[in-house]
Amino acid sequence: MEEARKEVGEIIDRLAVIYDEEDVNSPDILREIERLGARLKELTGKTIEECRYFEQYWSYMSLDDVVDRVL
């Protein structure tokens, strides 16, 4: 369970950076979002859309708190 928790945290953190700093219309970034979204679904049963509150999570909660909510 701890490995899955760690991976979910890494996915959420990367997605937060993507949505804050990257060009989400770039084909490479779109592929990465798709890949991360598929893995998030495998690990949690939730889609990126169901976890959208993670965007800019650092402004109001810790990564651990976001992971707890997602899991």
N, C-alpha and C. Protein backbone atom coordinates (compact mmCIF):
# COMPACT_ATOMS: atom_id res chain seq x y z
N MET A 1 0.82 -1.20 0.00
CA MET A 1 0.00 0.00 0.00
C MET A 1 0.87 1.26 0.00
N GLU A 2 1.98 1.22 0.71
CA GLU A 2 2.85 2.39 0.79
C GLU A 2 3.45 2.75 -0.57
N GLU A 3 3.77 1.73 -1.37
CA GLU A 3 4.31 1.99 -2.71
C GLU A 3 3.25 2.67 -3.58
N ALA A 4 2.02 2.19 -3.51
CA ALA A 4 0.93 2.80 -4.29
C ALA A 4 0.70 4.23 -3.83
N ARG A 5 0.74 4.44 -2.54
CA ARG A 5 0.56 5.79 -1.97
C ARG A 5 1.64 6.73 -2.50
N LYS A 6 2.88 6.25 -2.52
CA LYS A 6 3.99 7.05 -3.02
C LYS A 6 3.80 7.38 -4.51
N GLU A 7 3.39 6.37 -5.28
CA GLU A 7 3.19 6.59 -6.72
C GLU A 7 2.05 7.57 -6.98
N VAL A 8 0.96 7.44 -6.23
CA VAL A 8 -0.16 8.38 -6.38
C VAL A 8 0.32 9.80 -6.08
N GLY A 9 1.13 9.95 -5.06
CA GLY A 9 1.68 11.26 -4.73
C GLY A 9 2.52 11.83 -5.85
N GLU A 10 3.34 10.99 -6.44
CA GLU A 10 4.18 11.43 -7.57
C GLU A 10 3.34 11.83 -8.77
N ILE A 11 2.29 11.07 -9.04
CA ILE A 11 1.40 11.39 -10.16
C ILE A 11 0.70 12.72 -9.92
N ILE A 12 0.15 12.89 -8.73
CA ILE A 12 -0.55 14.12 -8.40
C ILE A 12 0.39 15.31 -8.49
N ASP A 13 1.59 15.15 -7.95
CA ASP A 13 2.55 16.25 -7.99
C ASP A 13 2.91 16.61 -9.42
N ARG A 14 3.14 15.62 -10.26
CA ARG A 14 3.48 15.89 -11.66
C ARG A 14 2.32 16.55 -12.40
N LEU A 15 1.11 16.05 -12.18
CA LEU A 15 -0.06 16.66 -12.83
C LEU A 15 -0.25 18.10 -12.38
N ALA A 16 -0.01 18.38 -11.11
CA ALA A 16 -0.14 19.74 -10.62
C ALA A 16 0.85 20.66 -11.33
N VAL A 17 2.06 20.19 -11.51
CA VAL A 17 3.07 20.99 -12.22
C VAL A 17 2.66 21.17 -13.68
N ILE A 18 2.20 20.09 -14.30
CA ILE A 18 1.78 20.18 -15.70
C ILE A 18 0.71 21.24 -15.87
N TYR A 19 -0.35 21.16 -15.05
CA TYR A 19 -1.46 22.10 -15.21
C TYR A 19 -1.10 23.53 -14.82
N ASP A 20 -0.06 23.69 -14.03
CA ASP A 20 0.35 25.03 -13.61
C ASP A 20 1.40 25.64 -14.54
N GLU A 21 2.29 24.82 -15.10
CA GLU A 21 3.46 25.35 -15.78
C GLU A 21 3.63 24.92 -17.24
N GLU A 22 2.99 23.87 -17.65
CA GLU A 22 3.24 23.31 -18.98
C GLU A 22 2.16 23.74 -19.99
N ASP A 23 2.47 23.56 -21.25
CA ASP A 23 1.52 23.81 -22.33
C ASP A 23 0.68 22.55 -22.49
N VAL A 24 -0.52 22.57 -21.94
CA VAL A 24 -1.37 21.38 -21.95
C VAL A 24 -1.93 21.06 -23.33
N ASN A 25 -1.62 21.87 -24.32
CA ASN A 25 -2.02 21.58 -25.69
C ASN A 25 -0.91 20.92 -26.49
N SER A 26 0.25 20.79 -25.89
CA SER A 26 1.38 20.13 -26.54
C SER A 26 1.10 18.63 -26.67
N PRO A 27 1.35 18.05 -27.82
CA PRO A 27 1.10 16.61 -28.00
C PRO A 27 1.87 15.75 -26.97
N ASP A 28 3.10 16.12 -26.67
CA ASP A 28 3.87 15.35 -25.68
C ASP A 28 3.24 15.44 -24.30
N ILE A 29 2.81 16.62 -23.94
CA ILE A 29 2.19 16.81 -22.62
C ILE A 29 0.84 16.10 -22.58
N LEU A 30 0.08 16.16 -23.65
CA LEU A 30 -1.20 15.45 -23.70
C LEU A 30 -1.01 13.95 -23.53
N ARG A 31 0.03 13.40 -24.15
CA ARG A 31 0.32 11.96 -23.99
C ARG A 31 0.71 11.66 -22.54
N GLU A 32 1.49 12.55 -21.95
CA GLU A 32 1.88 12.33 -20.55
C GLU A 32 0.67 12.39 -19.63
N ILE A 33 -0.21 13.35 -19.86
CA ILE A 33 -1.43 13.45 -19.05
C ILE A 33 -2.26 12.17 -19.20
N GLU A 34 -2.38 11.70 -20.42
CA GLU A 34 -3.15 10.47 -20.66
C GLU A 34 -2.53 9.28 -19.92
N ARG A 35 -1.22 9.17 -20.00
CA ARG A 35 -0.51 8.07 -19.33
C ARG A 35 -0.68 8.17 -17.81
N LEU A 36 -0.48 9.37 -17.27
CA LEU A 36 -0.62 9.56 -15.83
C LEU A 36 -2.06 9.32 -15.39
N GLY A 37 -3.01 9.76 -16.19
CA GLY A 37 -4.42 9.55 -15.87
C GLY A 37 -4.79 8.08 -15.84
N ALA A 38 -4.26 7.31 -16.79
CA ALA A 38 -4.53 5.87 -16.82
C ALA A 38 -3.95 5.18 -15.59
N ARG A 39 -2.75 5.59 -15.21
CA ARG A 39 -2.13 4.97 -14.03
C ARG A 39 -2.86 5.38 -12.76
N LEU A 40 -3.29 6.64 -12.68
CA LEU A 40 -4.07 7.09 -11.52
C LEU A 40 -5.35 6.28 -11.40
N LYS A 41 -6.00 6.03 -12.52
CA LYS A 41 -7.23 5.23 -12.53
C LYS A 41 -6.95 3.80 -12.05
N GLU A 42 -5.84 3.23 -12.50
CA GLU A 42 -5.46 1.87 -12.06
C GLU A 42 -5.25 1.81 -10.56
N LEU A 43 -4.60 2.82 -10.03
CA LEU A 43 -4.23 2.82 -8.61
C LEU A 43 -5.38 3.21 -7.68
N THR A 44 -6.26 4.10 -8.16
CA THR A 44 -7.28 4.66 -7.26
C THR A 44 -8.71 4.38 -7.68
N GLY A 45 -8.90 4.03 -8.95
CA GLY A 45 -10.25 3.88 -9.46
C GLY A 45 -10.89 5.21 -9.82
N LYS A 46 -10.10 6.30 -9.75
CA LYS A 46 -10.62 7.63 -10.03
C LYS A 46 -9.92 8.22 -11.24
N THR A 47 -10.67 9.04 -11.97
CA THR A 47 -10.11 9.74 -13.12
C THR A 47 -9.47 11.04 -12.67
N ILE A 48 -8.71 11.65 -13.57
CA ILE A 48 -8.13 12.96 -13.27
C ILE A 48 -9.24 13.94 -12.92
N GLU A 49 -10.33 13.91 -13.66
CA GLU A 49 -11.43 14.85 -13.43
C GLU A 49 -12.00 14.70 -12.02
N GLU A 50 -12.03 13.49 -11.51
CA GLU A 50 -12.53 13.26 -10.16
C GLU A 50 -11.54 13.76 -9.09
N CYS A 51 -10.32 14.04 -9.51
CA CYS A 51 -9.27 14.47 -8.58
C CYS A 51 -8.80 15.88 -8.89
N ARG A 52 -9.58 16.66 -9.60
CA ARG A 52 -9.14 17.98 -10.05
C ARG A 52 -8.74 18.92 -8.93
N TYR A 53 -9.20 18.66 -7.73
CA TYR A 53 -8.84 19.55 -6.63
C TYR A 53 -7.34 19.51 -6.32
N PHE A 54 -6.60 18.60 -6.96
CA PHE A 54 -5.17 18.57 -6.71
C PHE A 54 -4.44 19.72 -7.38
N GLU A 55 -5.06 20.34 -8.37
CA GLU A 55 -4.39 21.44 -9.07
C GLU A 55 -4.02 22.53 -8.07
N GLN A 56 -2.79 22.91 -8.08
CA GLN A 56 -2.24 23.91 -7.17
C GLN A 56 -2.52 23.55 -5.71
N TYR A 57 -2.49 22.27 -5.40
CA TYR A 57 -2.75 21.81 -4.04
C TYR A 57 -1.84 22.50 -3.03
N TRP A 58 -0.60 22.80 -3.44
CA TRP A 58 0.38 23.33 -2.52
C TRP A 58 -0.03 24.68 -1.93
N SER A 59 -1.00 25.34 -2.53
CA SER A 59 -1.42 26.64 -2.01
C SER A 59 -2.33 26.50 -0.79
N TYR A 60 -2.86 25.30 -0.56
CA TYR A 60 -3.79 25.18 0.56
C TYR A 60 -3.74 23.84 1.30
N MET A 61 -2.94 22.89 0.85
CA MET A 61 -2.85 21.62 1.58
C MET A 61 -1.56 20.90 1.19
N SER A 62 -1.20 19.94 2.01
CA SER A 62 0.01 19.17 1.72
C SER A 62 -0.27 18.08 0.71
N LEU A 63 0.77 17.60 0.09
CA LEU A 63 0.63 16.48 -0.86
C LEU A 63 0.05 15.27 -0.16
N ASP A 64 0.48 15.00 1.07
CA ASP A 64 -0.06 13.86 1.82
C ASP A 64 -1.57 13.98 2.02
N ASP A 65 -2.05 15.19 2.29
CA ASP A 65 -3.49 15.40 2.45
C ASP A 65 -4.24 15.12 1.15
N VAL A 66 -3.66 15.55 0.03
CA VAL A 66 -4.30 15.30 -1.27
C VAL A 66 -4.34 13.80 -1.55
N VAL A 67 -3.22 13.13 -1.30
CA VAL A 67 -3.16 11.68 -1.52
C VAL A 67 -4.22 10.98 -0.66
N ASP A 68 -4.35 11.39 0.59
CA ASP A 68 -5.37 10.80 1.47
C ASP A 68 -6.76 10.97 0.87
N ARG A 69 -7.05 12.14 0.33
CA ARG A 69 -8.37 12.38 -0.27
C ARG A 69 -8.59 11.52 -1.51
N VAL A 70 -7.55 11.40 -2.32
CA VAL A 70 -7.67 10.62 -3.56
C VAL A 70 -7.85 9.14 -3.23
N LEU A 71 -7.09 8.66 -2.27
CA LEU A 71 -7.18 7.24 -1.93
C LEU A 71 -8.40 6.99 -1.06
